[in-house]
Amino acid sequence: MSMEYIRNYYKVPARQGGRVCYSGGPEARLGTIVSASGGHLNIRLDGQRHTLPYHPTWKLEYLPDQDARDFLSNISTGRPVESGPLWAGYDPTQTGGSDGGPIDPASAGGEA
């Protein structure tokens, strides 16, 4: 199944190269979406060589590029990290094209 299918079916802003935070392990980890197959996202967690499949809605938070850097900074300094999915109110018709394109969280109803 394609990235476009995943965006539309699960109502998430998944895109190739998009940054995510996976919180299903002992600690939250950042990663990059590499591709999609079989209804799952193939994500390379930071520091890993290979991708692994992840369900698009299970323990994943989709991060705009700047938010990923802020997220790491907040964790390392002990500052609180705002909870809740950044893709709340995501509208798949607002993407930049079939590859997902850049998503403006303000226009998609998410946090800026």
PDB file of N, CA and C in Angstrom:
ATOM      1  N   MET A   1       0.841  -1.179   0.000  1.00  0.00           N
ATOM      2  CA  MET A   1       0.000   0.000   0.000  1.00  0.00           C
ATOM      3  C   MET A   1       0.888   1.244   0.000  1.00  0.00           C
ATOM      4  N   SER A   2       0.409   2.264  -0.614  1.00  0.00           N
ATOM      5  CA  SER A   2       1.223   3.458  -0.825  1.00  0.00           C
ATOM      6  C   SER A   2       1.157   4.423   0.353  1.00  0.00           C
ATOM      7  N   MET A   3       2.065   5.371   0.338  1.00  0.00           N
ATOM      8  CA  MET A   3       2.081   6.428   1.338  1.00  0.00           C
ATOM      9  C   MET A   3       0.773   7.227   1.266  1.00  0.00           C
ATOM     10  N   GLU A   4       0.289   7.467   0.062  1.00  0.00           N
ATOM     11  CA  GLU A   4      -0.961   8.200  -0.103  1.00  0.00           C
ATOM     12  C   GLU A   4      -2.117   7.438   0.541  1.00  0.00           C
ATOM     13  N   TYR A   5      -2.152   6.120   0.358  1.00  0.00           N
ATOM     14  CA  TYR A   5      -3.188   5.300   0.980  1.00  0.00           C
ATOM     15  C   TYR A   5      -3.129   5.445   2.508  1.00  0.00           C
ATOM     16  N   ILE A   6      -1.938   5.367   3.067  1.00  0.00           N
ATOM     17  CA  ILE A   6      -1.770   5.475   4.516  1.00  0.00           C
ATOM     18  C   ILE A   6      -2.245   6.838   5.009  1.00  0.00           C
ATOM     19  N   ARG A   7      -1.880   7.906   4.295  1.00  0.00           N
ATOM     20  CA  ARG A   7      -2.333   9.248   4.683  1.00  0.00           C
ATOM     21  C   ARG A   7      -3.855   9.331   4.702  1.00  0.00           C
ATOM     22  N   ASN A   8      -4.482   8.832   3.653  1.00  0.00           N
ATOM     23  CA  ASN A   8      -5.932   8.942   3.530  1.00  0.00           C
ATOM     24  C   ASN A   8      -6.680   8.010   4.477  1.00  0.00           C
ATOM     25  N   TYR A   9      -6.231   6.771   4.593  1.00  0.00           N
ATOM     26  CA  TYR A   9      -6.933   5.779   5.405  1.00  0.00           C
ATOM     27  C   TYR A   9      -6.794   6.071   6.900  1.00  0.00           C
ATOM     28  N   TYR A  10      -5.569   6.349   7.340  1.00  0.00           N
ATOM     29  CA  TYR A  10      -5.319   6.559   8.764  1.00  0.00           C
ATOM     30  C   TYR A  10      -5.385   8.025   9.183  1.00  0.00           C
ATOM     31  N   LYS A  11      -5.542   8.930   8.205  1.00  0.00           N
ATOM     32  CA  LYS A  11      -5.628  10.365   8.494  1.00  0.00           C
ATOM     33  C   LYS A  11      -4.397  10.875   9.246  1.00  0.00           C
ATOM     34  N   VAL A  12      -3.230  10.510   8.744  1.00  0.00           N
ATOM     35  CA  VAL A  12      -1.960  10.958   9.311  1.00  0.00           C
ATOM     36  C   VAL A  12      -1.152  11.669   8.229  1.00  0.00           C
ATOM     37  N   PRO A  13      -0.252  12.574   8.608  1.00  0.00           N
ATOM     38  CA  PRO A  13       0.534  13.322   7.617  1.00  0.00           C
ATOM     39  C   PRO A  13       1.833  12.609   7.224  1.00  0.00           C
ATOM     40  N   ALA A  14       1.778  11.305   7.054  1.00  0.00           N
ATOM     41  CA  ALA A  14       2.984  10.544   6.703  1.00  0.00           C
ATOM     42  C   ALA A  14       3.493  10.972   5.332  1.00  0.00           C
ATOM     43  N   ARG A  15       4.816  11.158   5.248  1.00  0.00           N
ATOM     44  CA  ARG A  15       5.446  11.485   3.969  1.00  0.00           C
ATOM     45  C   ARG A  15       6.880  10.980   4.005  1.00  0.00           C
ATOM     46  N   GLN A  16       7.388  10.623   2.858  1.00  0.00           N
ATOM     47  CA  GLN A  16       8.769  10.166   2.787  1.00  0.00           C
ATOM     48  C   GLN A  16       9.685  11.283   3.273  1.00  0.00           C
ATOM     49  N   GLY A  17      10.592  10.947   4.180  1.00  0.00           N
ATOM     50  CA  GLY A  17      11.493  11.931   4.752  1.00  0.00           C
ATOM     51  C   GLY A  17      10.930  12.626   5.983  1.00  0.00           C
ATOM     52  N   GLY A  18       9.653  12.365   6.290  1.00  0.00           N
ATOM     53  CA  GLY A  18       9.021  12.977   7.461  1.00  0.00           C
ATOM     54  C   GLY A  18       9.623  12.442   8.759  1.00  0.00           C
ATOM     55  N   ARG A  19       9.626  13.293   9.757  1.00  0.00           N
ATOM     56  CA  ARG A  19      10.187  12.927  11.063  1.00  0.00           C
ATOM     57  C   ARG A  19       9.070  12.496  12.000  1.00  0.00           C
ATOM     58  N   VAL A  20       9.371  11.476  12.798  1.00  0.00           N
ATOM     59  CA  VAL A  20       8.414  10.957  13.770  1.00  0.00           C
ATOM     60  C   VAL A  20       9.103  10.719  15.099  1.00  0.00           C
ATOM     61  N   CYS A  21       8.289  10.641  16.142  1.00  0.00           N
ATOM     62  CA  CYS A  21       8.770  10.219  17.448  1.00  0.00           C
ATOM     63  C   CYS A  21       8.028   8.932  17.775  1.00  0.00           C
ATOM     64  N   TYR A  22       8.776   7.848  17.982  1.00  0.00           N
ATOM     65  CA  TYR A  22       8.205   6.551  18.337  1.00  0.00           C
ATOM     66  C   TYR A  22       8.330   6.373  19.841  1.00  0.00           C
ATOM     67  N   SER A  23       7.208   6.136  20.516  1.00  0.00           N
ATOM     68  CA  SER A  23       7.226   6.035  21.977  1.00  0.00           C
ATOM     69  C   SER A  23       6.824   4.649  22.474  1.00  0.00           C
ATOM     70  N   GLY A  24       6.992   3.627  21.641  1.00  0.00           N
ATOM     71  CA  GLY A  24       6.591   2.279  22.023  1.00  0.00           C
ATOM     72  C   GLY A  24       7.674   1.468  22.704  1.00  0.00           C
ATOM     73  N   GLY A  25       8.834   2.038  22.919  1.00  0.00           N
ATOM     74  CA  GLY A  25       9.928   1.327  23.584  1.00  0.00           C
ATOM     75  C   GLY A  25      10.162   1.879  24.970  1.00  0.00           C
ATOM     76  N   PRO A  26      11.290   1.507  25.571  1.00  0.00           N
ATOM     77  CA  PRO A  26      11.596   1.996  26.911  1.00  0.00           C
ATOM     78  C   PRO A  26      11.754   3.522  26.970  1.00  0.00           C
ATOM     79  N   GLU A  27      12.153   4.128  25.863  1.00  0.00           N
ATOM     80  CA  GLU A  27      12.272   5.583  25.798  1.00  0.00           C
ATOM     81  C   GLU A  27      11.869   6.043  24.406  1.00  0.00           C
ATOM     82  N   ALA A  28      11.399   7.289  24.306  1.00  0.00           N
ATOM     83  CA  ALA A  28      10.998   7.847  23.015  1.00  0.00           C
ATOM     84  C   ALA A  28      12.219   7.986  22.116  1.00  0.00           C
ATOM     85  N   ARG A  29      12.017   7.685  20.821  1.00  0.00           N
ATOM     86  CA  ARG A  29      13.112   7.787  19.852  1.00  0.00           C
ATOM     87  C   ARG A  29      12.610   8.474  18.601  1.00  0.00           C
ATOM     88  N   LEU A  30      13.475   9.270  18.009  1.00  0.00           N
ATOM     89  CA  LEU A  30      13.153   9.934  16.755  1.00  0.00           C
ATOM     90  C   LEU A  30      13.560   9.063  15.594  1.00  0.00           C
ATOM     91  N   GLY A  31      12.851   9.220  14.484  1.00  0.00           N
ATOM     92  CA  GLY A  31      13.174   8.471  13.283  1.00  0.00           C
ATOM     93  C   GLY A  31      12.683   9.195  12.047  1.00  0.00           C
ATOM     94  N   THR A  32      13.008   8.608  10.896  1.00  0.00           N
ATOM     95  CA  THR A  32      12.652   9.182   9.596  1.00  0.00           C
ATOM     96  C   THR A  32      11.872   8.162   8.790  1.00  0.00           C
ATOM     97  N   ILE A  33      10.759   8.589   8.213  1.00  0.00           N
ATOM     98  CA  ILE A  33       9.969   7.711   7.349  1.00  0.00           C
ATOM     99  C   ILE A  33      10.718   7.532   6.039  1.00  0.00           C
ATOM    100  N   VAL A  34      10.992   6.285   5.687  1.00  0.00           N
ATOM    101  CA  VAL A  34      11.732   5.983   4.466  1.00  0.00           C
ATOM    102  C   VAL A  34      10.790   5.571   3.337  1.00  0.00           C
ATOM    103  N   SER A  35       9.787   4.743   3.653  1.00  0.00           N
ATOM    104  CA  SER A  35       8.862   4.263   2.633  1.00  0.00           C
ATOM    105  C   SER A  35       7.633   3.668   3.312  1.00  0.00           C
ATOM    106  N   ALA A  36       6.736   3.126   2.500  1.00  0.00           N
ATOM    107  CA  ALA A  36       5.535   2.468   3.015  1.00  0.00           C
ATOM    108  C   ALA A  36       5.366   1.145   2.284  1.00  0.00           C
ATOM    109  N   SER A  37       4.878   0.142   3.010  1.00  0.00           N
ATOM    110  CA  SER A  37       4.561  -1.139   2.378  1.00  0.00           C
ATOM    111  C   SER A  37       3.600  -1.907   3.272  1.00  0.00           C
ATOM    112  N   GLY A  38       2.630  -2.545   2.643  1.00  0.00           N
ATOM    113  CA  GLY A  38       1.699  -3.381   3.375  1.00  0.00           C
ATOM    114  C   GLY A  38       0.931  -2.666   4.475  1.00  0.00           C
ATOM    115  N   GLY A  39       0.651  -1.387   4.301  1.00  0.00           N
ATOM    116  CA  GLY A  39      -0.087  -0.641   5.307  1.00  0.00           C
ATOM    117  C   GLY A  39       0.757  -0.173   6.482  1.00  0.00           C
ATOM    118  N   HIS A  40       2.049  -0.385   6.424  1.00  0.00           N
ATOM    119  CA  HIS A  40       2.953   0.063   7.484  1.00  0.00           C
ATOM    120  C   HIS A  40       3.964   1.063   6.920  1.00  0.00           C
ATOM    121  N   LEU A  41       4.511   1.857   7.822  1.00  0.00           N
ATOM    122  CA  LEU A  41       5.569   2.797   7.451  1.00  0.00           C
ATOM    123  C   LEU A  41       6.911   2.166   7.769  1.00  0.00           C
ATOM    124  N   ASN A  42       7.832   2.222   6.847  1.00  0.00           N
ATOM    125  CA  ASN A  42       9.192   1.758   7.089  1.00  0.00           C
ATOM    126  C   ASN A  42       9.988   2.947   7.601  1.00  0.00           C
ATOM    127  N   ILE A  43      10.385   2.852   8.866  1.00  0.00           N
ATOM    128  CA  ILE A  43      11.025   3.969   9.561  1.00  0.00           C
ATOM    129  C   ILE A  43      12.418   3.570  10.012  1.00  0.00           C
ATOM    130  N   ARG A  44      13.374   4.469   9.774  1.00  0.00           N
ATOM    131  CA  ARG A  44      14.733   4.280  10.287  1.00  0.00           C
ATOM    132  C   ARG A  44      14.875   5.159  11.513  1.00  0.00           C
ATOM    133  N   LEU A  45      14.982   4.508  12.682  1.00  0.00           N
ATOM    134  CA  LEU A  45      15.190   5.265  13.904  1.00  0.00           C
ATOM    135  C   LEU A  45      16.588   5.844  13.891  1.00  0.00           C
ATOM    136  N   ASP A  46      16.743   7.022  14.450  1.00  0.00           N
ATOM    137  CA  ASP A  46      18.048   7.678  14.487  1.00  0.00           C
ATOM    138  C   ASP A  46      19.076   6.745  15.128  1.00  0.00           C
ATOM    139  N   GLY A  47      20.240   6.629  14.478  1.00  0.00           N
ATOM    140  CA  GLY A  47      21.314   5.793  14.976  1.00  0.00           C
ATOM    141  C   GLY A  47      21.250   4.355  14.486  1.00  0.00           C
ATOM    142  N   GLN A  48      20.209   4.000  13.746  1.00  0.00           N
ATOM    143  CA  GLN A  48      20.064   2.635  13.226  1.00  0.00           C
ATOM    144  C   GLN A  48      20.419   2.607  11.740  1.00  0.00           C
ATOM    145  N   ARG A  49      20.874   1.447  11.271  1.00  0.00           N
ATOM    146  CA  ARG A  49      21.215   1.306   9.854  1.00  0.00           C
ATOM    147  C   ARG A  49      20.027   0.898   8.993  1.00  0.00           C
ATOM    148  N   HIS A  50      19.107   0.125   9.565  1.00  0.00           N
ATOM    149  CA  HIS A  50      18.024  -0.465   8.784  1.00  0.00           C
ATOM    150  C   HIS A  50      16.671   0.096   9.202  1.00  0.00           C
ATOM    151  N   THR A  51      15.710  -0.040   8.306  1.00  0.00           N
ATOM    152  CA  THR A  51      14.347   0.369   8.614  1.00  0.00           C
ATOM    153  C   THR A  51      13.591  -0.798   9.241  1.00  0.00           C
ATOM    154  N   LEU A  52      12.554  -0.470   9.966  1.00  0.00           N
ATOM    155  CA  LEU A  52      11.625  -1.455  10.515  1.00  0.00           C
ATOM    156  C   LEU A  52      10.215  -0.965  10.236  1.00  0.00           C
ATOM    157  N   PRO A  53       9.248  -1.887  10.092  1.00  0.00           N
ATOM    158  CA  PRO A  53       7.869  -1.465   9.830  1.00  0.00           C
ATOM    159  C   PRO A  53       7.154  -1.037  11.116  1.00  0.00           C
ATOM    160  N   TYR A  54       6.420   0.065  11.036  1.00  0.00           N
ATOM    161  CA  TYR A  54       5.647   0.583  12.160  1.00  0.00           C
ATOM    162  C   TYR A  54       4.232   0.876  11.687  1.00  0.00           C
ATOM    163  N   HIS A  55       3.256   0.596  12.556  1.00  0.00           N
ATOM    164  CA  HIS A  55       1.874   0.928  12.224  1.00  0.00           C
ATOM    165  C   HIS A  55       1.726   2.451  12.279  1.00  0.00           C
ATOM    166  N   PRO A  56       1.028   3.044  11.313  1.00  0.00           N
ATOM    167  CA  PRO A  56       0.953   4.507  11.217  1.00  0.00           C
ATOM    168  C   PRO A  56       0.328   5.220  12.418  1.00  0.00           C
ATOM    169  N   THR A  57      -0.452   4.526  13.235  1.00  0.00           N
ATOM    170  CA  THR A  57      -1.109   5.213  14.355  1.00  0.00           C
ATOM    171  C   THR A  57      -0.679   4.689  15.720  1.00  0.00           C
ATOM    172  N   TRP A  58       0.192   3.695  15.781  1.00  0.00           N
ATOM    173  CA  TRP A  58       0.557   3.121  17.073  1.00  0.00           C
ATOM    174  C   TRP A  58       1.851   3.721  17.599  1.00  0.00           C
ATOM    175  N   LYS A  59       1.735   4.538  18.645  1.00  0.00           N
ATOM    176  CA  LYS A  59       2.889   5.104  19.349  1.00  0.00           C
ATOM    177  C   LYS A  59       3.776   5.976  18.461  1.00  0.00           C
ATOM    178  N   LEU A  60       3.207   6.575  17.412  1.00  0.00           N
ATOM    179  CA  LEU A  60       3.956   7.487  16.542  1.00  0.00           C
ATOM    180  C   LEU A  60       3.379   8.881  16.650  1.00  0.00           C
ATOM    181  N   GLU A  61       4.260   9.845  16.776  1.00  0.00           N
ATOM    182  CA  GLU A  61       3.867  11.250  16.709  1.00  0.00           C
ATOM    183  C   GLU A  61       4.612  11.846  15.522  1.00  0.00           C
ATOM    184  N   TYR A  62       3.871  12.505  14.635  1.00  0.00           N
ATOM    185  CA  TYR A  62       4.451  13.092  13.431  1.00  0.00           C
ATOM    186  C   TYR A  62       4.949  14.490  13.764  1.00  0.00           C
ATOM    187  N   LEU A  63       6.198  14.767  13.425  1.00  0.00           N
ATOM    188  CA  LEU A  63       6.833  16.027  13.806  1.00  0.00           C
ATOM    189  C   LEU A  63       7.243  16.843  12.589  1.00  0.00           C
ATOM    190  N   PRO A  64       6.907  18.128  12.562  1.00  0.00           N
ATOM    191  CA  PRO A  64       7.522  19.004  11.561  1.00  0.00           C
ATOM    192  C   PRO A  64       9.025  19.050  11.845  1.00  0.00           C
ATOM    193  N   ASP A  65       9.836  19.363  10.870  1.00  0.00           N
ATOM    194  CA  ASP A  65      11.300  19.302  11.015  1.00  0.00           C
ATOM    195  C   ASP A  65      11.811  20.082  12.214  1.00  0.00           C
ATOM    196  N   GLN A  66      11.378  21.308  12.410  1.00  0.00           N
ATOM    197  CA  GLN A  66      11.868  22.103  13.533  1.00  0.00           C
ATOM    198  C   GLN A  66      11.433  21.505  14.856  1.00  0.00           C
ATOM    199  N   ASP A  67      10.202  20.968  14.912  1.00  0.00           N
ATOM    200  CA  ASP A  67       9.712  20.377  16.153  1.00  0.00           C
ATOM    201  C   ASP A  67      10.540  19.174  16.574  1.00  0.00           C
ATOM    202  N   ALA A  68      11.087  18.434  15.623  1.00  0.00           N
ATOM    203  CA  ALA A  68      11.931  17.285  15.967  1.00  0.00           C
ATOM    204  C   ALA A  68      13.169  17.754  16.713  1.00  0.00           C
ATOM    205  N   ARG A  69      13.779  18.847  16.251  1.00  0.00           N
ATOM    206  CA  ARG A  69      14.962  19.380  16.945  1.00  0.00           C
ATOM    207  C   ARG A  69      14.575  19.919  18.321  1.00  0.00           C
ATOM    208  N   ASP A  70      13.434  20.612  18.407  1.00  0.00           N
ATOM    209  CA  ASP A  70      12.972  21.134  19.689  1.00  0.00           C
ATOM    210  C   ASP A  70      12.650  20.003  20.654  1.00  0.00           C
ATOM    211  N   PHE A  71      12.068  18.928  20.140  1.00  0.00           N
ATOM    212  CA  PHE A  71      11.713  17.779  20.962  1.00  0.00           C
ATOM    213  C   PHE A  71      12.952  17.207  21.644  1.00  0.00           C
ATOM    214  N   LEU A  72      14.016  17.003  20.868  1.00  0.00           N
ATOM    215  CA  LEU A  72      15.261  16.476  21.444  1.00  0.00           C
ATOM    216  C   LEU A  72      15.847  17.451  22.459  1.00  0.00           C
ATOM    217  N   SER A  73      15.801  18.728  22.156  1.00  0.00           N
ATOM    218  CA  SER A  73      16.334  19.729  23.062  1.00  0.00           C
ATOM    219  C   SER A  73      15.578  19.716  24.384  1.00  0.00           C
ATOM    220  N   ASN A  74      14.260  19.633  24.326  1.00  0.00           N
ATOM    221  CA  ASN A  74      13.452  19.615  25.537  1.00  0.00           C
ATOM    222  C   ASN A  74      13.731  18.380  26.379  1.00  0.00           C
ATOM    223  N   ILE A  75      13.888  17.235  25.745  1.00  0.00           N
ATOM    224  CA  ILE A  75      14.166  16.008  26.493  1.00  0.00           C
ATOM    225  C   ILE A  75      15.518  16.110  27.179  1.00  0.00           C
ATOM    226  N   SER A  76      16.530  16.609  26.469  1.00  0.00           N
ATOM    227  CA  SER A  76      17.878  16.646  27.045  1.00  0.00           C
ATOM    228  C   SER A  76      17.999  17.674  28.167  1.00  0.00           C
ATOM    229  N   THR A  77      17.134  18.697  28.170  1.00  0.00           N
ATOM    230  CA  THR A  77      17.205  19.712  29.216  1.00  0.00           C
ATOM    231  C   THR A  77      16.173  19.501  30.312  1.00  0.00           C
ATOM    232  N   GLY A  78      15.313  18.503  30.152  1.00  0.00           N
ATOM    233  CA  GLY A  78      14.307  18.219  31.160  1.00  0.00           C
ATOM    234  C   GLY A  78      13.077  19.099  31.085  1.00  0.00           C
ATOM    235  N   ARG A  79      12.993  19.936  30.051  1.00  0.00           N
ATOM    236  CA  ARG A  79      11.789  20.769  29.893  1.00  0.00           C
ATOM    237  C   ARG A  79      10.632  19.876  29.460  1.00  0.00           C
ATOM    238  N   PRO A  80       9.409  20.229  29.858  1.00  0.00           N
ATOM    239  CA  PRO A  80       8.263  19.396  29.467  1.00  0.00           C
ATOM    240  C   PRO A  80       8.046  19.444  27.965  1.00  0.00           C
ATOM    241  N   VAL A  81       7.590  18.326  27.422  1.00  0.00           N
ATOM    242  CA  VAL A  81       7.265  18.226  26.008  1.00  0.00           C
ATOM    243  C   VAL A  81       5.758  18.231  25.898  1.00  0.00           C
ATOM    244  N   GLU A  82       5.219  19.096  25.054  1.00  0.00           N
ATOM    245  CA  GLU A  82       3.773  19.148  24.898  1.00  0.00           C
ATOM    246  C   GLU A  82       3.273  17.818  24.376  1.00  0.00           C
ATOM    247  N   SER A  83       2.177  17.357  24.945  1.00  0.00           N
ATOM    248  CA  SER A  83       1.630  16.077  24.518  1.00  0.00           C
ATOM    249  C   SER A  83       0.567  16.306  23.460  1.00  0.00           C
ATOM    250  N   GLY A  84       0.119  15.212  22.872  1.00  0.00           N
ATOM    251  CA  GLY A  84      -0.923  15.280  21.854  1.00  0.00           C
ATOM    252  C   GLY A  84      -0.328  15.250  20.475  1.00  0.00           C
ATOM    253  N   PRO A  85      -1.029  14.620  19.558  1.00  0.00           N
ATOM    254  CA  PRO A  85      -0.507  14.504  18.197  1.00  0.00           C
ATOM    255  C   PRO A  85      -0.454  15.849  17.493  1.00  0.00           C
ATOM    256  N   LEU A  86       0.657  16.084  16.815  1.00  0.00           N
ATOM    257  CA  LEU A  86       0.798  17.327  16.062  1.00  0.00           C
ATOM    258  C   LEU A  86      -0.068  17.338  14.814  1.00  0.00           C
ATOM    259  N   TRP A  87      -0.604  16.183  14.449  1.00  0.00           N
ATOM    260  CA  TRP A  87      -1.405  16.111  13.234  1.00  0.00           C
ATOM    261  C   TRP A  87      -2.890  16.216  13.533  1.00  0.00           C
ATOM    262  N   ALA A  88      -3.286  16.619  14.737  1.00  0.00           N
ATOM    263  CA  ALA A  88      -4.703  16.778  15.063  1.00  0.00           C
ATOM    264  C   ALA A  88      -5.351  17.704  14.045  1.00  0.00           C
ATOM    265  N   GLY A  89      -6.433  17.296  13.517  1.00  0.00           N
ATOM    266  CA  GLY A  89      -7.128  18.089  12.515  1.00  0.00           C
ATOM    267  C   GLY A  89      -6.535  17.957  11.124  1.00  0.00           C
ATOM    268  N   TYR A  90      -5.634  16.996  10.934  1.00  0.00           N
ATOM    269  CA  TYR A  90      -4.979  16.810   9.639  1.00  0.00           C
ATOM    270  C   TYR A  90      -6.008  16.549   8.547  1.00  0.00           C
ATOM    271  N   ASP A  91      -5.861  17.213   7.442  1.00  0.00           N
ATOM    272  CA  ASP A  91      -6.726  17.032   6.285  1.00  0.00           C
ATOM    273  C   ASP A  91      -5.864  16.568   5.123  1.00  0.00           C
ATOM    274  N   PRO A  92      -6.032  15.290   4.672  1.00  0.00           N
ATOM    275  CA  PRO A  92      -5.160  14.770   3.616  1.00  0.00           C
ATOM    276  C   PRO A  92      -5.277  15.521   2.302  1.00  0.00           C
ATOM    277  N   THR A  93      -6.332  16.308   2.113  1.00  0.00           N
ATOM    278  CA  THR A  93      -6.443  17.076   0.876  1.00  0.00           C
ATOM    279  C   THR A  93      -5.548  18.307   0.894  1.00  0.00           C
ATOM    280  N   GLN A  94      -4.944  18.625   2.050  1.00  0.00           N
ATOM    281  CA  GLN A  94      -4.094  19.806   2.179  1.00  0.00           C
ATOM    282  C   GLN A  94      -2.617  19.507   1.944  1.00  0.00           C
ATOM    283  N   THR A  95      -2.286  18.325   1.463  1.00  0.00           N
ATOM    284  CA  THR A  95      -0.885  17.992   1.221  1.00  0.00           C
ATOM    285  C   THR A  95      -0.414  18.642  -0.069  1.00  0.00           C
ATOM    286  N   GLY A  96       0.881  18.636  -0.262  1.00  0.00           N
ATOM    287  CA  GLY A  96       1.473  19.281  -1.419  1.00  0.00           C
ATOM    288  C   GLY A  96       1.430  18.452  -2.682  1.00  0.00           C
ATOM    289  N   GLY A  97       0.911  17.253  -2.646  1.00  0.00           N
ATOM    290  CA  GLY A  97       0.851  16.415  -3.828  1.00  0.00           C
ATOM    291  C   GLY A  97       0.860  14.950  -3.457  1.00  0.00           C
ATOM    292  N   SER A  98       1.018  14.092  -4.440  1.00  0.00           N
ATOM    293  CA  SER A  98       0.922  12.656  -4.188  1.00  0.00           C
ATOM    294  C   SER A  98       2.052  12.135  -3.305  1.00  0.00           C
ATOM    295  N   ASP A  99       3.157  12.872  -3.192  1.00  0.00           N
ATOM    296  CA  ASP A  99       4.261  12.426  -2.337  1.00  0.00           C
ATOM    297  C   ASP A  99       4.112  12.942  -0.911  1.00  0.00           C
ATOM    298  N   GLY A 100       3.005  13.608  -0.620  1.00  0.00           N
ATOM    299  CA  GLY A 100       2.778  14.114   0.730  1.00  0.00           C
ATOM    300  C   GLY A 100       3.153  15.561   0.872  1.00  0.00           C
ATOM    301  N   GLY A 101       4.197  15.967   0.214  1.00  0.00           N
ATOM    302  CA  GLY A 101       4.603  17.363   0.223  1.00  0.00           C
ATOM    303  C   GLY A 101       4.698  17.960   1.609  1.00  0.00           C
ATOM    304  N   PRO A 102       5.124  19.183   1.706  1.00  0.00           N
ATOM    305  CA  PRO A 102       5.214  19.837   3.009  1.00  0.00           C
ATOM    306  C   PRO A 102       3.826  20.130   3.552  1.00  0.00           C
ATOM    307  N   ILE A 103       3.680  19.983   4.860  1.00  0.00           N
ATOM    308  CA  ILE A 103       2.410  20.251   5.505  1.00  0.00           C
ATOM    309  C   ILE A 103       2.605  21.426   6.440  1.00  0.00           C
ATOM    310  N   ASP A 104       1.757  22.419   6.294  1.00  0.00           N
ATOM    311  CA  ASP A 104       1.790  23.575   7.180  1.00  0.00           C
ATOM    312  C   ASP A 104       0.851  23.290   8.339  1.00  0.00           C
ATOM    313  N   PRO A 105       1.376  22.992   9.547  1.00  0.00           N
ATOM    314  CA  PRO A 105       0.510  22.633  10.662  1.00  0.00           C
ATOM    315  C   PRO A 105      -0.557  23.676  10.965  1.00  0.00           C
ATOM    316  N   ALA A 106      -0.258  24.928  10.768  1.00  0.00           N
ATOM    317  CA  ALA A 106      -1.243  25.969  11.066  1.00  0.00           C
ATOM    318  C   ALA A 106      -2.447  25.853  10.154  1.00  0.00           C
ATOM    319  N   SER A 107      -2.225  25.590   8.875  1.00  0.00           N
ATOM    320  CA  SER A 107      -3.351  25.489   7.944  1.00  0.00           C
ATOM    321  C   SER A 107      -4.043  24.140   8.042  1.00  0.00           C
ATOM    322  N   ALA A 108      -3.364  23.118   8.608  1.00  0.00           N
ATOM    323  CA  ALA A 108      -3.964  21.804   8.746  1.00  0.00           C
ATOM    324  C   ALA A 108      -4.676  21.646  10.081  1.00  0.00           C
ATOM    325  N   GLY A 109      -4.650  22.679  10.912  1.00  0.00           N
ATOM    326  CA  GLY A 109      -5.351  22.627  12.177  1.00  0.00           C
ATOM    327  C   GLY A 109      -4.509  22.073  13.302  1.00  0.00           C
ATOM    328  N   GLY A 110      -3.227  21.756  13.065  1.00  0.00           N
ATOM    329  CA  GLY A 110      -2.348  21.228  14.106  1.00  0.00           C
ATOM    330  C   GLY A 110      -1.642  22.358  14.813  1.00  0.00           C
ATOM    331  N   GLU A 111      -0.725  21.996  15.701  1.00  0.00           N
ATOM    332  CA  GLU A 111       0.060  22.988  16.429  1.00  0.00           C
ATOM    333  C   GLU A 111       1.145  23.541  15.535  1.00  0.00           C
ATOM    334  N   ALA A 112       1.505  24.767  15.736  1.00  0.00           N
ATOM    335  CA  ALA A 112       2.570  25.371  14.930  1.00  0.00           C
ATOM    336  C   ALA A 112       3.905  25.157  15.562  1.00  0.00           C
TER     337      ALA A 112
END
